[in-house]
Amino acid sequence: MTTEVWTIRKILDWTRQYFERHHIDSPRLTAEILLAHTLTVQRVKLYMDIDRPLSPAELADFRALISARVAGQPTQYLVGQKEFYGRTFTVDKRVLIPRPETELLVEAALRHVPKDRP
C-alpha cells in the first residue's frame, strides 16, 4: 500500500478548490496563510519549497485549520494575528478583527493631526 504524497503545491491547489466550493473568501490567499502558519514560515517560503512534502503531523495540523475555517472561524483567529496599518496585532475571539476599511479612518484622522505632533 502506498501513501499519497502531499506537497505544498498539491495541498495549496486542493485547499483552494475546497475553499471555493465552500464559498470561503480569497480561497488561495486563505490556503497560503493557513499553510504558512502550519509550517511556521512566511508565505513566500511556500513557493521557494513548492514541491516539499508535508509530514503526517503537518497534514493533520493543516486539516484541523481547514475544518475550522470552513466551520466559520475567521482566518485571523486561527493564526492569532492580523496586520493593520503596517503593524501586526495579536487577535483572538476577545477582540474585533481589524478591517482594511478602518485604515481609511486612521488616514483621515491623521490628516487632522498637525505635522509637528507625534
PDB file of N, CA and C in Angstrom:
ATOM      1  N   MET A   1       0.848  -1.176   0.000  1.00  0.00           N
ATOM      2  CA  MET A   1       0.000   0.000   0.000  1.00  0.00           C
ATOM      3  C   MET A   1       0.897   1.244   0.000  1.00  0.00           C
ATOM      4  N   THR A   2       0.623   2.141  -0.929  1.00  0.00           N
ATOM      5  CA  THR A   2       1.401   3.386  -0.983  1.00  0.00           C
ATOM      6  C   THR A   2       0.552   4.523  -0.423  1.00  0.00           C
ATOM      7  N   THR A   3       1.234   5.389   0.277  1.00  0.00           N
ATOM      8  CA  THR A   3       0.540   6.557   0.806  1.00  0.00           C
ATOM      9  C   THR A   3       0.764   7.711  -0.155  1.00  0.00           C
ATOM     10  N   GLU A   4      -0.273   8.500  -0.288  1.00  0.00           N
ATOM     11  CA  GLU A   4      -0.208   9.652  -1.179  1.00  0.00           C
ATOM     12  C   GLU A   4       0.714  10.709  -0.596  1.00  0.00           C
ATOM     13  N   VAL A   5       1.549  11.272  -1.456  1.00  0.00           N
ATOM     14  CA  VAL A   5       2.470  12.320  -1.027  1.00  0.00           C
ATOM     15  C   VAL A   5       1.805  13.667  -1.278  1.00  0.00           C
ATOM     16  N   TRP A   6       1.671  14.459  -0.218  1.00  0.00           N
ATOM     17  CA  TRP A   6       1.078  15.787  -0.322  1.00  0.00           C
ATOM     18  C   TRP A   6       2.192  16.820  -0.251  1.00  0.00           C
ATOM     19  N   THR A   7       2.449  17.446  -1.388  1.00  0.00           N
ATOM     20  CA  THR A   7       3.446  18.516  -1.428  1.00  0.00           C
ATOM     21  C   THR A   7       2.738  19.838  -1.160  1.00  0.00           C
ATOM     22  N   ILE A   8       3.541  20.861  -0.934  1.00  0.00           N
ATOM     23  CA  ILE A   8       2.977  22.200  -0.735  1.00  0.00           C
ATOM     24  C   ILE A   8       2.113  22.581  -1.935  1.00  0.00           C
ATOM     25  N   ARG A   9       2.621  22.354  -3.149  1.00  0.00           N
ATOM     26  CA  ARG A   9       1.864  22.687  -4.368  1.00  0.00           C
ATOM     27  C   ARG A   9       0.518  21.973  -4.389  1.00  0.00           C
ATOM     28  N   LYS A  10       0.553  20.683  -4.140  1.00  0.00           N
ATOM     29  CA  LYS A  10      -0.664  19.864  -4.220  1.00  0.00           C
ATOM     30  C   LYS A  10      -1.682  20.267  -3.151  1.00  0.00           C
ATOM     31  N   ILE A  11      -1.209  20.490  -1.921  1.00  0.00           N
ATOM     32  CA  ILE A  11      -2.143  20.831  -0.845  1.00  0.00           C
ATOM     33  C   ILE A  11      -2.728  22.222  -1.041  1.00  0.00           C
ATOM     34  N   LEU A  12      -1.943  23.164  -1.568  1.00  0.00           N
ATOM     35  CA  LEU A  12      -2.481  24.500  -1.843  1.00  0.00           C
ATOM     36  C   LEU A  12      -3.550  24.446  -2.932  1.00  0.00           C
ATOM     37  N   ASP A  13      -3.282  23.697  -3.979  1.00  0.00           N
ATOM     38  CA  ASP A  13      -4.268  23.580  -5.061  1.00  0.00           C
ATOM     39  C   ASP A  13      -5.554  22.919  -4.564  1.00  0.00           C
ATOM     40  N   TRP A  14      -5.406  21.839  -3.818  1.00  0.00           N
ATOM     41  CA  TRP A  14      -6.580  21.133  -3.298  1.00  0.00           C
ATOM     42  C   TRP A  14      -7.375  22.040  -2.357  1.00  0.00           C
ATOM     43  N   THR A  15      -6.672  22.725  -1.466  1.00  0.00           N
ATOM     44  CA  THR A  15      -7.342  23.564  -0.477  1.00  0.00           C
ATOM     45  C   THR A  15      -8.048  24.742  -1.130  1.00  0.00           C
ATOM     46  N   ARG A  16      -7.431  25.339  -2.137  1.00  0.00           N
ATOM     47  CA  ARG A  16      -8.081  26.441  -2.859  1.00  0.00           C
ATOM     48  C   ARG A  16      -9.409  25.972  -3.442  1.00  0.00           C
ATOM     49  N   GLN A  17      -9.398  24.828  -4.092  1.00  0.00           N
ATOM     50  CA  GLN A  17     -10.635  24.302  -4.673  1.00  0.00           C
ATOM     51  C   GLN A  17     -11.670  23.985  -3.595  1.00  0.00           C
ATOM     52  N   TYR A  18     -11.228  23.410  -2.512  1.00  0.00           N
ATOM     53  CA  TYR A  18     -12.117  23.069  -1.404  1.00  0.00           C
ATOM     54  C   TYR A  18     -12.744  24.330  -0.825  1.00  0.00           C
ATOM     55  N   PHE A  19     -11.934  25.367  -0.602  1.00  0.00           N
ATOM     56  CA  PHE A  19     -12.448  26.635  -0.088  1.00  0.00           C
ATOM     57  C   PHE A  19     -13.402  27.294  -1.091  1.00  0.00           C
ATOM     58  N   GLU A  20     -13.118  27.194  -2.372  1.00  0.00           N
ATOM     59  CA  GLU A  20     -14.038  27.750  -3.382  1.00  0.00           C
ATOM     60  C   GLU A  20     -15.395  27.073  -3.286  1.00  0.00           C
ATOM     61  N   ARG A  21     -15.393  25.749  -3.170  1.00  0.00           N
ATOM     62  CA  ARG A  21     -16.658  25.010  -3.057  1.00  0.00           C
ATOM     63  C   ARG A  21     -17.426  25.387  -1.795  1.00  0.00           C
ATOM     64  N   HIS A  22     -16.724  25.828  -0.768  1.00  0.00           N
ATOM     65  CA  HIS A  22     -17.363  26.195   0.498  1.00  0.00           C
ATOM     66  C   HIS A  22     -17.506  27.711   0.649  1.00  0.00           C
ATOM     67  N   HIS A  23     -17.293  28.423  -0.451  1.00  0.00           N
ATOM     68  CA  HIS A  23     -17.511  29.879  -0.501  1.00  0.00           C
ATOM     69  C   HIS A  23     -16.691  30.655   0.522  1.00  0.00           C
ATOM     70  N   ILE A  24     -15.441  30.257   0.699  1.00  0.00           N
ATOM     71  CA  ILE A  24     -14.513  30.971   1.569  1.00  0.00           C
ATOM     72  C   ILE A  24     -13.909  32.119   0.753  1.00  0.00           C
ATOM     73  N   ASP A  25     -13.926  33.327   1.324  1.00  0.00           N
ATOM     74  CA  ASP A  25     -13.336  34.484   0.645  1.00  0.00           C
ATOM     75  C   ASP A  25     -11.846  34.252   0.409  1.00  0.00           C
ATOM     76  N   SER A  26     -11.375  34.743  -0.736  1.00  0.00           N
ATOM     77  CA  SER A  26      -9.942  34.653  -1.095  1.00  0.00           C
ATOM     78  C   SER A  26      -9.389  33.253  -0.819  1.00  0.00           C
ATOM     79  N   PRO A  27      -9.891  32.261  -1.527  1.00  0.00           N
ATOM     80  CA  PRO A  27      -9.533  30.876  -1.203  1.00  0.00           C
ATOM     81  C   PRO A  27      -8.035  30.571  -1.295  1.00  0.00           C
ATOM     82  N   ARG A  28      -7.353  31.078  -2.310  1.00  0.00           N
ATOM     83  CA  ARG A  28      -5.912  30.782  -2.430  1.00  0.00           C
ATOM     84  C   ARG A  28      -5.126  31.479  -1.319  1.00  0.00           C
ATOM     85  N   LEU A  29      -5.424  32.750  -1.102  1.00  0.00           N
ATOM     86  CA  LEU A  29      -4.739  33.502  -0.052  1.00  0.00           C
ATOM     87  C   LEU A  29      -4.970  32.858   1.313  1.00  0.00           C
ATOM     88  N   THR A  30      -6.194  32.474   1.584  1.00  0.00           N
ATOM     89  CA  THR A  30      -6.511  31.833   2.861  1.00  0.00           C
ATOM     90  C   THR A  30      -5.738  30.531   3.017  1.00  0.00           C
ATOM     91  N   ALA A  31      -5.681  29.743   1.956  1.00  0.00           N
ATOM     92  CA  ALA A  31      -4.916  28.492   1.999  1.00  0.00           C
ATOM     93  C   ALA A  31      -3.446  28.767   2.283  1.00  0.00           C
ATOM     94  N   GLU A  32      -2.890  29.774   1.623  1.00  0.00           N
ATOM     95  CA  GLU A  32      -1.483  30.125   1.830  1.00  0.00           C
ATOM     96  C   GLU A  32      -1.221  30.576   3.273  1.00  0.00           C
ATOM     97  N   ILE A  33      -2.092  31.428   3.786  1.00  0.00           N
ATOM     98  CA  ILE A  33      -1.917  31.933   5.155  1.00  0.00           C
ATOM     99  C   ILE A  33      -1.965  30.784   6.164  1.00  0.00           C
ATOM    100  N   LEU A  34      -2.940  29.908   6.004  1.00  0.00           N
ATOM    101  CA  LEU A  34      -3.072  28.795   6.945  1.00  0.00           C
ATOM    102  C   LEU A  34      -1.915  27.807   6.832  1.00  0.00           C
ATOM    103  N   LEU A  35      -1.461  27.546   5.614  1.00  0.00           N
ATOM    104  CA  LEU A  35      -0.350  26.609   5.445  1.00  0.00           C
ATOM    105  C   LEU A  35       0.956  27.214   5.960  1.00  0.00           C
ATOM    106  N   ALA A  36       1.188  28.482   5.669  1.00  0.00           N
ATOM    107  CA  ALA A  36       2.394  29.144   6.182  1.00  0.00           C
ATOM    108  C   ALA A  36       2.395  29.123   7.708  1.00  0.00           C
ATOM    109  N   HIS A  37       1.235  29.339   8.294  1.00  0.00           N
ATOM    110  CA  HIS A  37       1.120  29.283   9.750  1.00  0.00           C
ATOM    111  C   HIS A  37       1.420  27.866  10.257  1.00  0.00           C
ATOM    112  N   THR A  38       0.882  26.875   9.601  1.00  0.00           N
ATOM    113  CA  THR A  38       1.114  25.485   9.993  1.00  0.00           C
ATOM    114  C   THR A  38       2.598  25.140   9.950  1.00  0.00           C
ATOM    115  N   LEU A  39       3.269  25.606   8.898  1.00  0.00           N
ATOM    116  CA  LEU A  39       4.684  25.269   8.705  1.00  0.00           C
ATOM    117  C   LEU A  39       5.619  26.263   9.405  1.00  0.00           C
ATOM    118  N   THR A  40       5.039  27.282  10.020  1.00  0.00           N
ATOM    119  CA  THR A  40       5.784  28.370  10.683  1.00  0.00           C
ATOM    120  C   THR A  40       6.841  28.982   9.766  1.00  0.00           C
ATOM    121  N   VAL A  41       6.357  29.360   8.567  1.00  0.00           N
ATOM    122  CA  VAL A  41       7.206  30.045   7.585  1.00  0.00           C
ATOM    123  C   VAL A  41       6.436  31.234   7.026  1.00  0.00           C
ATOM    124  N   GLN A  42       7.151  32.133   6.372  1.00  0.00           N
ATOM    125  CA  GLN A  42       6.487  33.225   5.662  1.00  0.00           C
ATOM    126  C   GLN A  42       5.893  32.654   4.376  1.00  0.00           C
ATOM    127  N   ARG A  43       4.866  33.321   3.858  1.00  0.00           N
ATOM    128  CA  ARG A  43       4.171  32.799   2.665  1.00  0.00           C
ATOM    129  C   ARG A  43       5.110  32.594   1.493  1.00  0.00           C
ATOM    130  N   VAL A  44       6.060  33.476   1.296  1.00  0.00           N
ATOM    131  CA  VAL A  44       6.981  33.352   0.163  1.00  0.00           C
ATOM    132  C   VAL A  44       7.767  32.039   0.231  1.00  0.00           C
ATOM    133  N   LYS A  45       8.030  31.557   1.426  1.00  0.00           N
ATOM    134  CA  LYS A  45       8.777  30.305   1.600  1.00  0.00           C
ATOM    135  C   LYS A  45       8.000  29.115   1.032  1.00  0.00           C
ATOM    136  N   LEU A  46       6.679  29.211   1.006  1.00  0.00           N
ATOM    137  CA  LEU A  46       5.885  28.139   0.409  1.00  0.00           C
ATOM    138  C   LEU A  46       6.284  27.933  -1.048  1.00  0.00           C
ATOM    139  N   TYR A  47       6.517  29.031  -1.750  1.00  0.00           N
ATOM    140  CA  TYR A  47       6.836  28.955  -3.172  1.00  0.00           C
ATOM    141  C   TYR A  47       8.306  28.642  -3.415  1.00  0.00           C
ATOM    142  N   MET A  48       9.123  28.876  -2.421  1.00  0.00           N
ATOM    143  CA  MET A  48      10.533  28.505  -2.534  1.00  0.00           C
ATOM    144  C   MET A  48      10.711  26.996  -2.361  1.00  0.00           C
ATOM    145  N   ASP A  49       9.785  26.375  -1.637  1.00  0.00           N
ATOM    146  CA  ASP A  49       9.822  24.927  -1.379  1.00  0.00           C
ATOM    147  C   ASP A  49       8.551  24.260  -1.889  1.00  0.00           C
ATOM    148  N   ILE A  50       8.054  24.694  -3.021  1.00  0.00           N
ATOM    149  CA  ILE A  50       6.731  24.303  -3.518  1.00  0.00           C
ATOM    150  C   ILE A  50       6.547  22.782  -3.646  1.00  0.00           C
ATOM    151  N   ASP A  51       7.614  22.046  -3.875  1.00  0.00           N
ATOM    152  CA  ASP A  51       7.477  20.598  -4.043  1.00  0.00           C
ATOM    153  C   ASP A  51       7.877  19.816  -2.790  1.00  0.00           C
ATOM    154  N   ARG A  52       8.009  20.505  -1.677  1.00  0.00           N
ATOM    155  CA  ARG A  52       8.339  19.848  -0.405  1.00  0.00           C
ATOM    156  C   ARG A  52       7.136  19.065   0.098  1.00  0.00           C
ATOM    157  N   PRO A  53       7.332  17.800   0.437  1.00  0.00           N
ATOM    158  CA  PRO A  53       6.216  17.031   1.002  1.00  0.00           C
ATOM    159  C   PRO A  53       5.953  17.444   2.448  1.00  0.00           C
ATOM    160  N   LEU A  54       4.703  17.336   2.846  1.00  0.00           N
ATOM    161  CA  LEU A  54       4.325  17.624   4.227  1.00  0.00           C
ATOM    162  C   LEU A  54       4.381  16.345   5.044  1.00  0.00           C
ATOM    163  N   SER A  55       4.774  16.494   6.287  1.00  0.00           N
ATOM    164  CA  SER A  55       4.806  15.333   7.183  1.00  0.00           C
ATOM    165  C   SER A  55       3.373  15.005   7.605  1.00  0.00           C
ATOM    166  N   PRO A  56       3.161  13.816   8.111  1.00  0.00           N
ATOM    167  CA  PRO A  56       1.818  13.471   8.602  1.00  0.00           C
ATOM    168  C   PRO A  56       1.329  14.438   9.697  1.00  0.00           C
ATOM    169  N   ALA A  57       2.221  14.873  10.571  1.00  0.00           N
ATOM    170  CA  ALA A  57       1.822  15.812  11.635  1.00  0.00           C
ATOM    171  C   ALA A  57       1.431  17.165  11.039  1.00  0.00           C
ATOM    172  N   GLU A  58       2.187  17.638  10.047  1.00  0.00           N
ATOM    173  CA  GLU A  58       1.850  18.912   9.388  1.00  0.00           C
ATOM    174  C   GLU A  58       0.509  18.807   8.678  1.00  0.00           C
ATOM    175  N   LEU A  59       0.270  17.686   8.013  1.00  0.00           N
ATOM    176  CA  LEU A  59      -1.016  17.479   7.337  1.00  0.00           C
ATOM    177  C   LEU A  59      -2.168  17.480   8.335  1.00  0.00           C
ATOM    178  N   ALA A  60      -1.981  16.837   9.454  1.00  0.00           N
ATOM    179  CA  ALA A  60      -3.041  16.779  10.469  1.00  0.00           C
ATOM    180  C   ALA A  60      -3.332  18.174  11.013  1.00  0.00           C
ATOM    181  N   ASP A  61      -2.285  18.936  11.294  1.00  0.00           N
ATOM    182  CA  ASP A  61      -2.473  20.298  11.796  1.00  0.00           C
ATOM    183  C   ASP A  61      -3.175  21.171  10.759  1.00  0.00           C
ATOM    184  N   PHE A  62      -2.767  21.048   9.504  1.00  0.00           N
ATOM    185  CA  PHE A  62      -3.367  21.844   8.440  1.00  0.00           C
ATOM    186  C   PHE A  62      -4.829  21.460   8.229  1.00  0.00           C
ATOM    187  N   ARG A  63      -5.122  20.191   8.256  1.00  0.00           N
ATOM    188  CA  ARG A  63      -6.513  19.744   8.100  1.00  0.00           C
ATOM    189  C   ARG A  63      -7.401  20.306   9.201  1.00  0.00           C
ATOM    190  N   ALA A  64      -6.877  20.379  10.409  1.00  0.00           N
ATOM    191  CA  ALA A  64      -7.658  20.941  11.518  1.00  0.00           C
ATOM    192  C   ALA A  64      -7.975  22.414  11.249  1.00  0.00           C
ATOM    193  N   LEU A  65      -7.016  23.162  10.713  1.00  0.00           N
ATOM    194  CA  LEU A  65      -7.257  24.567  10.379  1.00  0.00           C
ATOM    195  C   LEU A  65      -8.266  24.706   9.239  1.00  0.00           C
ATOM    196  N   ILE A  66      -8.160  23.846   8.244  1.00  0.00           N
ATOM    197  CA  ILE A  66      -9.111  23.865   7.126  1.00  0.00           C
ATOM    198  C   ILE A  66     -10.527  23.632   7.654  1.00  0.00           C
ATOM    199  N   SER A  67     -10.688  22.636   8.503  1.00  0.00           N
ATOM    200  CA  SER A  67     -12.006  22.323   9.062  1.00  0.00           C
ATOM    201  C   SER A  67     -12.552  23.489   9.870  1.00  0.00           C
ATOM    202  N   ALA A  68     -11.702  24.097  10.671  1.00  0.00           N
ATOM    203  CA  ALA A  68     -12.140  25.228  11.493  1.00  0.00           C
ATOM    204  C   ALA A  68     -12.533  26.413  10.616  1.00  0.00           C
ATOM    205  N   ARG A  69     -11.791  26.644   9.546  1.00  0.00           N
ATOM    206  CA  ARG A  69     -12.114  27.770   8.663  1.00  0.00           C
ATOM    207  C   ARG A  69     -13.449  27.530   7.964  1.00  0.00           C
ATOM    208  N   VAL A  70     -13.671  26.335   7.458  1.00  0.00           N
ATOM    209  CA  VAL A  70     -14.928  26.005   6.782  1.00  0.00           C
ATOM    210  C   VAL A  70     -16.090  26.044   7.771  1.00  0.00           C
ATOM    211  N   ALA A  71     -15.820  25.772   9.040  1.00  0.00           N
ATOM    212  CA  ALA A  71     -16.855  25.841  10.077  1.00  0.00           C
ATOM    213  C   ALA A  71     -17.188  27.283  10.461  1.00  0.00           C
ATOM    214  N   GLY A  72     -16.445  28.243   9.905  1.00  0.00           N
ATOM    215  CA  GLY A  72     -16.783  29.639  10.127  1.00  0.00           C
ATOM    216  C   GLY A  72     -15.814  30.441  10.976  1.00  0.00           C
ATOM    217  N   GLN A  73     -14.778  29.809  11.488  1.00  0.00           N
ATOM    218  CA  GLN A  73     -13.804  30.575  12.272  1.00  0.00           C
ATOM    219  C   GLN A  73     -12.972  31.455  11.336  1.00  0.00           C
ATOM    220  N   PRO A  74     -12.814  32.723  11.682  1.00  0.00           N
ATOM    221  CA  PRO A  74     -12.008  33.614  10.833  1.00  0.00           C
ATOM    222  C   PRO A  74     -10.541  33.183  10.785  1.00  0.00           C
ATOM    223  N   THR A  75      -9.955  33.362   9.637  1.00  0.00           N
ATOM    224  CA  THR A  75      -8.548  33.035   9.440  1.00  0.00           C
ATOM    225  C   THR A  75      -7.674  33.723  10.483  1.00  0.00           C
ATOM    226  N   GLN A  76      -7.974  34.983  10.772  1.00  0.00           N
ATOM    227  CA  GLN A  76      -7.154  35.748  11.702  1.00  0.00           C
ATOM    228  C   GLN A  76      -7.168  35.140  13.099  1.00  0.00           C
ATOM    229  N   TYR A  77      -8.292  34.617  13.533  1.00  0.00           N
ATOM    230  CA  TYR A  77      -8.349  33.956  14.833  1.00  0.00           C
ATOM    231  C   TYR A  77      -7.566  32.643  14.806  1.00  0.00           C
ATOM    232  N   LEU A  78      -7.618  31.947  13.686  1.00  0.00           N
ATOM    233  CA  LEU A  78      -6.911  30.671  13.573  1.00  0.00           C
ATOM    234  C   LEU A  78      -5.403  30.839  13.637  1.00  0.00           C
ATOM    235  N   VAL A  79      -4.900  31.916  13.038  1.00  0.00           N
ATOM    236  CA  VAL A  79      -3.453  32.141  13.056  1.00  0.00           C
ATOM    237  C   VAL A  79      -3.025  33.066  14.200  1.00  0.00           C
ATOM    238  N   GLY A  80      -3.993  33.735  14.825  1.00  0.00           N
ATOM    239  CA  GLY A  80      -3.707  34.544  16.002  1.00  0.00           C
ATOM    240  C   GLY A  80      -3.143  35.915  15.746  1.00  0.00           C
ATOM    241  N   GLN A  81      -3.231  36.381  14.489  1.00  0.00           N
ATOM    242  CA  GLN A  81      -2.722  37.718  14.209  1.00  0.00           C
ATOM    243  C   GLN A  81      -3.366  38.320  12.971  1.00  0.00           C
ATOM    244  N   LYS A  82      -3.258  39.653  12.886  1.00  0.00           N
ATOM    245  CA  LYS A  82      -3.782  40.394  11.738  1.00  0.00           C
ATOM    246  C   LYS A  82      -2.943  41.646  11.560  1.00  0.00           C
ATOM    247  N   GLU A  83      -2.510  41.879  10.345  1.00  0.00           N
ATOM    248  CA  GLU A  83      -1.774  43.101  10.051  1.00  0.00           C
ATOM    249  C   GLU A  83      -2.772  44.239   9.882  1.00  0.00           C
ATOM    250  N   PHE A  84      -2.430  45.381  10.462  1.00  0.00           N
ATOM    251  CA  PHE A  84      -3.276  46.564  10.353  1.00  0.00           C
ATOM    252  C   PHE A  84      -2.381  47.790  10.342  1.00  0.00           C
ATOM    253  N   TYR A  85      -2.530  48.563   9.306  1.00  0.00           N
ATOM    254  CA  TYR A  85      -1.802  49.814   9.161  1.00  0.00           C
ATOM    255  C   TYR A  85      -0.293  49.602   9.337  1.00  0.00           C
ATOM    256  N   GLY A  86       0.198  48.540   8.694  1.00  0.00           N
ATOM    257  CA  GLY A  86       1.626  48.264   8.694  1.00  0.00           C
ATOM    258  C   GLY A  86       2.160  47.620   9.961  1.00  0.00           C
ATOM    259  N   ARG A  87       1.279  47.245  10.854  1.00  0.00           N
ATOM    260  CA  ARG A  87       1.698  46.612  12.102  1.00  0.00           C
ATOM    261  C   ARG A  87       0.933  45.306  12.278  1.00  0.00           C
ATOM    262  N   THR A  88       1.571  44.367  12.950  1.00  0.00           N
ATOM    263  CA  THR A  88       0.919  43.090  13.207  1.00  0.00           C
ATOM    264  C   THR A  88       0.375  43.089  14.624  1.00  0.00           C
ATOM    265  N   PHE A  89      -0.904  42.743  14.736  1.00  0.00           N
ATOM    266  CA  PHE A  89      -1.580  42.695  16.028  1.00  0.00           C
ATOM    267  C   PHE A  89      -1.978  41.258  16.354  1.00  0.00           C
ATOM    268  N   THR A  90      -1.877  40.929  17.626  1.00  0.00           N
ATOM    269  CA  THR A  90      -2.366  39.644  18.108  1.00  0.00           C
ATOM    270  C   THR A  90      -3.881  39.749  18.244  1.00  0.00           C
ATOM    271  N   VAL A  91      -4.575  38.757  17.707  1.00  0.00           N
ATOM    272  CA  VAL A  91      -6.038  38.748  17.801  1.00  0.00           C
ATOM    273  C   VAL A  91      -6.514  37.382  18.250  1.00  0.00           C
ATOM    274  N   ASP A  92      -7.637  37.395  18.933  1.00  0.00           N
ATOM    275  CA  ASP A  92      -8.337  36.170  19.291  1.00  0.00           C
ATOM    276  C   ASP A  92      -9.818  36.523  19.420  1.00  0.00           C
ATOM    277  N   LYS A  93     -10.600  35.614  19.911  1.00  0.00           N
ATOM    278  CA  LYS A  93     -12.048  35.814  19.967  1.00  0.00           C
ATOM    279  C   LYS A  93     -12.471  36.982  20.851  1.00  0.00           C
ATOM    280  N   ARG A  94     -11.553  37.490  21.664  1.00  0.00           N
ATOM    281  CA  ARG A  94     -11.893  38.597  22.563  1.00  0.00           C
ATOM    282  C   ARG A  94     -11.818  39.964  21.889  1.00  0.00           C
ATOM    283  N   VAL A  95     -11.275  40.018  20.674  1.00  0.00           N
ATOM    284  CA  VAL A  95     -11.101  41.315  20.003  1.00  0.00           C
ATOM    285  C   VAL A  95     -11.745  41.297  18.623  1.00  0.00           C
ATOM    286  N   LEU A  96     -12.103  42.460  18.163  1.00  0.00           N
ATOM    287  CA  LEU A  96     -12.581  42.593  16.787  1.00  0.00           C
ATOM    288  C   LEU A  96     -11.397  42.510  15.846  1.00  0.00           C
ATOM    289  N   ILE A  97     -11.610  41.898  14.712  1.00  0.00           N
ATOM    290  CA  ILE A  97     -10.554  41.792  13.710  1.00  0.00           C
ATOM    291  C   ILE A  97     -10.463  43.122  12.973  1.00  0.00           C
ATOM    292  N   PRO A  98      -9.278  43.741  12.940  1.00  0.00           N
ATOM    293  CA  PRO A  98      -9.145  44.995  12.187  1.00  0.00           C
ATOM    294  C   PRO A  98      -9.494  44.782  10.715  1.00  0.00           C
ATOM    295  N   ARG A  99     -10.238  45.714  10.159  1.00  0.00           N
ATOM    296  CA  ARG A  99     -10.676  45.630   8.765  1.00  0.00           C
ATOM    297  C   ARG A  99      -9.905  46.636   7.915  1.00  0.00           C
ATOM    298  N   PRO A 100      -9.702  46.322   6.644  1.00  0.00           N
ATOM    299  CA  PRO A 100      -8.993  47.257   5.768  1.00  0.00           C
ATOM    300  C   PRO A 100      -9.668  48.631   5.694  1.00  0.00           C
ATOM    301  N   GLU A 101     -10.996  48.651   5.748  1.00  0.00           N
ATOM    302  CA  GLU A 101     -11.703  49.926   5.655  1.00  0.00           C
ATOM    303  C   GLU A 101     -11.370  50.839   6.829  1.00  0.00           C
ATOM    304  N   THR A 102     -11.035  50.249   7.963  1.00  0.00           N
ATOM    305  CA  THR A 102     -10.697  51.039   9.135  1.00  0.00           C
ATOM    306  C   THR A 102      -9.396  51.800   8.933  1.00  0.00           C
ATOM    307  N   GLU A 103      -8.518  51.282   8.082  1.00  0.00           N
ATOM    308  CA  GLU A 103      -7.280  52.004   7.770  1.00  0.00           C
ATOM    309  C   GLU A 103      -7.598  53.354   7.133  1.00  0.00           C
ATOM    310  N   LEU A 104      -8.671  53.427   6.364  1.00  0.00           N
ATOM    311  CA  LEU A 104      -9.081  54.701   5.768  1.00  0.00           C
ATOM    312  C   LEU A 104      -9.461  55.703   6.850  1.00  0.00           C
ATOM    313  N   LEU A 105     -10.107  55.227   7.899  1.00  0.00           N
ATOM    314  CA  LEU A 105     -10.448  56.111   9.019  1.00  0.00           C
ATOM    315  C   LEU A 105      -9.195  56.618   9.729  1.00  0.00           C
ATOM    316  N   VAL A 106      -8.213  55.743   9.890  1.00  0.00           N
ATOM    317  CA  VAL A 106      -6.953  56.155  10.518  1.00  0.00           C
ATOM    318  C   VAL A 106      -6.286  57.233   9.667  1.00  0.00           C
ATOM    319  N   GLU A 107      -6.250  57.018   8.359  1.00  0.00           N
ATOM    320  CA  GLU A 107      -5.635  58.007   7.468  1.00  0.00           C
ATOM    321  C   GLU A 107      -6.377  59.342   7.527  1.00  0.00           C
ATOM    322  N   ALA A 108      -7.692  59.302   7.579  1.00  0.00           N
ATOM    323  CA  ALA A 108      -8.473  60.544   7.668  1.00  0.00           C
ATOM    324  C   ALA A 108      -8.184  61.256   8.982  1.00  0.00           C
ATOM    325  N   ALA A 109      -8.100  60.506  10.075  1.00  0.00           N
ATOM    326  CA  ALA A 109      -7.801  61.125  11.369  1.00  0.00           C
ATOM    327  C   ALA A 109      -6.399  61.729  11.376  1.00  0.00           C
ATOM    328  N   LEU A 110      -5.457  61.036  10.777  1.00  0.00           N
ATOM    329  CA  LEU A 110      -4.084  61.538  10.757  1.00  0.00           C
ATOM    330  C   LEU A 110      -3.946  62.828   9.951  1.00  0.00           C
ATOM    331  N   ARG A 111      -4.814  63.032   8.987  1.00  0.00           N
ATOM    332  CA  ARG A 111      -4.777  64.283   8.205  1.00  0.00           C
ATOM    333  C   ARG A 111      -5.115  65.485   9.079  1.00  0.00           C
ATOM    334  N   HIS A 112      -5.773  65.246  10.213  1.00  0.00           N
ATOM    335  CA  HIS A 112      -6.167  66.330  11.112  1.00  0.00           C
ATOM    336  C   HIS A 112      -5.167  66.545  12.247  1.00  0.00           C
ATOM    337  N   VAL A 113      -4.144  65.710  12.312  1.00  0.00           N
ATOM    338  CA  VAL A 113      -3.117  65.877  13.332  1.00  0.00           C
ATOM    339  C   VAL A 113      -2.008  66.758  12.738  1.00  0.00           C
ATOM    340  N   PRO A 114      -1.645  67.824  13.427  1.00  0.00           N
ATOM    341  CA  PRO A 114      -0.561  68.676  12.904  1.00  0.00           C
ATOM    342  C   PRO A 114       0.712  67.878  12.653  1.00  0.00           C
ATOM    343  N   LYS A 115       1.431  68.254  11.593  1.00  0.00           N
ATOM    344  CA  LYS A 115       2.632  67.505  11.178  1.00  0.00           C
ATOM    345  C   LYS A 115       3.712  67.500  12.248  1.00  0.00           C
ATOM    346  N   ASP A 116       3.725  68.523  13.102  1.00  0.00           N
ATOM    347  CA  ASP A 116       4.769  68.595  14.129  1.00  0.00           C
ATOM    348  C   ASP A 116       4.380  67.847  15.415  1.00  0.00           C
ATOM    349  N   ARG A 117       3.267  67.118  15.390  1.00  0.00           N
ATOM    350  CA  ARG A 117       2.790  66.344  16.559  1.00  0.00           C
ATOM    351  C   ARG A 117       3.048  64.862  16.327  1.00  0.00           C
ATOM    352  N   PRO A 118       3.359  64.144  17.385  1.00  0.00           N
ATOM    353  CA  PRO A 118       3.558  62.690  17.214  1.00  0.00           C
ATOM    354  C   PRO A 118       2.237  61.986  16.945  1.00  0.00           C
TER     355      PRO A 118
END
